[in-house]
Amino acid sequence: MPRDIEEIKFYLIKFSSQFHKNFSSFFRRGSDDKYNCNKNQIRAITIIGRNKSIIPTDLGKCINMEKGSLTTLLNSLEDMGLVKRENDPLDKRKVIVQLSKEGEGYYRKIEEKVLSQIQEVLKPLTEEEIQILRESLKNVVSILDKVGEKNG
């Protein structure tokens, strides 16, 4: 088992390095970005867009942000007109965060840009290698979800 853990440590570090080298640029500001959103704002918009609506606590868990920082982030996105906060009709103590119409358009633009960049990064791969990567990532995410459920 210790050898397995050592290898997992090695591959986690290697994966993190390769991921950031090849994919983290997708979340950086673009020169054509009229909102000039930072990485965390873009990540938040992407998560909200995929979920359609989310409570701030869950969003904070997704992007690993504390409540105070998350409030500041949401305030900035709301000031830009990209998100809106509403009371949960089923539980008045909860707030639901959704994209505004403008936010939905920006989310679609981000998604198109990311898809285009992923296609560019994966160009050197064969179709078979792309399928292997897809299945491997699916397995890694599934396992990490399981680890996350047990750890908090």
Protein backbone atom coordinates (compact mmCIF):
# COMPACT_ATOMS: atom_id res chain seq x y z
CA MET A 1 0.00 0.00 0.00
CA PRO A 2 2.72 2.63 0.81
CA ARG A 3 4.17 2.17 -2.68
CA ASP A 4 0.69 2.78 -4.15
CA ILE A 5 0.34 5.97 -2.12
CA GLU A 6 3.78 7.15 -3.26
CA GLU A 7 2.78 6.57 -6.89
CA ILE A 8 -0.55 8.34 -6.37
CA LYS A 9 1.33 11.30 -4.89
CA PHE A 10 3.70 11.34 -7.89
CA TYR A 11 0.87 11.19 -10.44
CA LEU A 12 -1.22 13.80 -8.63
CA ILE A 13 1.68 16.24 -8.76
CA LYS A 14 2.40 15.35 -12.38
CA PHE A 15 -1.29 15.64 -13.31
CA SER A 16 -1.64 19.00 -11.57
CA SER A 17 1.41 20.34 -13.38
CA GLN A 18 0.26 19.09 -16.79
CA PHE A 19 -3.29 20.28 -16.22
CA HIS A 20 -2.15 23.80 -15.37
CA LYS A 21 0.32 23.87 -18.24
CA ASN A 22 -2.24 22.76 -20.83
CA PHE A 23 -5.64 23.88 -19.56
CA SER A 24 -5.54 26.59 -16.89
CA SER A 25 -5.20 29.32 -19.51
CA PHE A 26 -8.87 28.70 -20.38
CA PHE A 27 -9.86 30.57 -17.23
CA ARG A 28 -7.63 33.58 -17.73
CA ARG A 29 -8.85 36.96 -18.85
CA GLY A 30 -9.22 37.42 -22.56
CA SER A 31 -8.37 40.60 -24.44
CA ASP A 32 -11.88 40.59 -25.93
CA ASP A 33 -13.52 40.25 -22.50
CA LYS A 34 -15.55 43.39 -21.85
CA TYR A 35 -16.12 42.32 -18.24
CA ASN A 36 -12.44 41.65 -17.50
CA CYS A 37 -13.44 38.83 -15.13
CA ASN A 38 -10.77 37.13 -13.08
CA LYS A 39 -10.26 33.37 -12.87
CA ASN A 40 -12.59 32.84 -9.91
CA GLN A 41 -15.34 34.96 -11.47
CA ILE A 42 -15.12 32.92 -14.68
CA ARG A 43 -15.18 29.67 -12.71
CA ALA A 44 -18.23 30.86 -10.76
CA ILE A 45 -20.08 31.84 -13.94
CA THR A 46 -19.29 28.45 -15.46
CA ILE A 47 -20.52 26.55 -12.39
CA ILE A 48 -23.67 28.63 -12.06
CA GLY A 49 -24.34 28.27 -15.79
CA ARG A 50 -24.00 24.50 -15.70
CA ASN A 51 -26.23 24.18 -12.64
CA LYS A 52 -28.79 26.82 -13.76
CA SER A 53 -29.07 27.87 -10.11
CA ILE A 54 -27.02 27.19 -6.98
CA ILE A 55 -26.91 28.21 -3.35
CA PRO A 56 -23.80 30.17 -2.35
CA THR A 57 -22.61 27.46 0.08
CA ASP A 58 -22.47 24.89 -2.72
CA LEU A 59 -20.79 27.35 -5.08
CA GLY A 60 -18.18 28.09 -2.41
CA LYS A 61 -17.44 24.37 -2.08
CA CYS A 62 -17.06 24.02 -5.86
CA ILE A 63 -14.51 26.81 -6.13
CA ASN A 64 -12.99 26.33 -2.67
CA MET A 65 -13.84 29.79 -1.35
CA GLU A 66 -14.69 30.99 2.12
CA LYS A 67 -18.01 32.75 2.73
CA GLY A 68 -16.60 36.30 2.93
CA SER A 69 -14.57 35.98 -0.26
CA LEU A 70 -17.50 34.36 -2.03
CA THR A 71 -19.81 37.21 -1.01
CA THR A 72 -17.32 39.71 -2.47
CA LEU A 73 -17.10 37.65 -5.67
CA LEU A 74 -20.90 37.44 -6.03
CA ASN A 75 -21.27 41.16 -5.30
CA SER A 76 -18.83 41.95 -8.11
CA LEU A 77 -20.66 39.66 -10.56
CA GLU A 78 -23.98 41.18 -9.54
CA ASP A 79 -22.57 44.70 -10.02
CA MET A 80 -21.52 43.70 -13.55
CA GLY A 81 -25.07 42.48 -14.22
CA LEU A 82 -23.97 38.86 -14.75
CA VAL A 83 -25.69 37.18 -11.80
CA LYS A 84 -28.78 37.72 -9.70
CA ARG A 85 -29.61 36.53 -6.21
CA GLU A 86 -33.14 35.64 -5.19
CA ASN A 87 -34.75 34.18 -2.11
CA ASP A 88 -35.55 30.48 -2.34
CA PRO A 89 -39.36 30.23 -2.61
CA LEU A 90 -39.29 26.99 -0.59
CA ASP A 91 -37.02 28.28 2.18
CA LYS A 92 -36.86 32.05 2.74
CA ARG A 93 -33.60 31.65 4.70
CA LYS A 94 -31.79 30.49 1.56
CA VAL A 95 -30.57 32.53 -1.38
CA ILE A 96 -30.36 31.14 -4.91
CA VAL A 97 -27.79 32.46 -7.36
CA GLN A 98 -28.59 32.41 -11.09
CA LEU A 99 -27.14 33.97 -14.21
CA SER A 100 -28.90 37.03 -15.55
CA LYS A 101 -29.77 37.18 -19.26
CA GLU A 102 -26.49 39.00 -19.83
CA GLY A 103 -24.71 36.39 -17.69
CA GLU A 104 -26.20 33.57 -19.76
CA GLY A 105 -24.83 35.16 -22.93
CA TYR A 106 -21.42 35.57 -21.33
CA TYR A 107 -21.53 31.95 -20.09
CA ARG A 108 -22.23 30.71 -23.64
CA LYS A 109 -19.30 32.78 -24.92
CA ILE A 110 -17.00 31.29 -22.26
CA GLU A 111 -18.16 27.76 -23.11
CA GLU A 112 -17.54 28.27 -26.84
CA LYS A 113 -14.07 29.65 -26.13
CA VAL A 114 -13.17 26.77 -23.81
CA LEU A 115 -14.41 24.14 -26.28
CA SER A 116 -12.37 25.73 -29.04
CA GLN A 117 -9.27 25.83 -26.84
CA ILE A 118 -9.70 22.19 -25.77
CA GLN A 119 -10.00 21.13 -29.42
CA GLU A 120 -6.79 23.01 -30.18
CA VAL A 121 -4.90 21.46 -27.25
CA LEU A 122 -6.07 17.95 -28.18
CA LYS A 123 -5.20 18.25 -31.89
CA PRO A 124 -2.06 16.08 -31.60
CA LEU A 125 -4.11 13.17 -30.24
CA THR A 126 -5.72 10.42 -32.26
CA GLU A 127 -9.45 9.74 -31.90
CA GLU A 128 -8.61 6.64 -29.86
CA GLU A 129 -6.39 8.68 -27.50
CA ILE A 130 -9.18 11.23 -27.07
CA GLN A 131 -11.60 8.45 -26.11
CA ILE A 132 -9.05 7.03 -23.63
CA LEU A 133 -8.58 10.52 -22.13
CA ARG A 134 -12.36 11.02 -21.86
CA GLU A 135 -12.86 7.67 -20.09
CA SER A 136 -9.85 8.23 -17.84
CA LEU A 137 -11.07 11.67 -16.77
CA LYS A 138 -14.55 10.26 -16.19
CA ASN A 139 -13.04 7.61 -13.89
CA VAL A 140 -10.83 10.10 -12.04
CA VAL A 141 -13.75 12.45 -11.43
CA SER A 142 -15.93 9.58 -10.22
CA ILE A 143 -13.25 8.44 -7.78
CA LEU A 144 -12.57 11.99 -6.56
CA ASP A 145 -16.31 12.51 -6.04
CA LYS A 146 -16.33 9.37 -3.89
CA VAL A 147 -13.28 10.59 -1.92
CA GLY A 148 -14.96 13.98 -1.49
CA GLU A 149 -18.15 12.44 -0.13
CA LYS A 150 -16.17 10.66 2.58
CA ASN A 151 -14.05 13.70 3.46
CA GLY A 152 -16.62 16.35 3.82
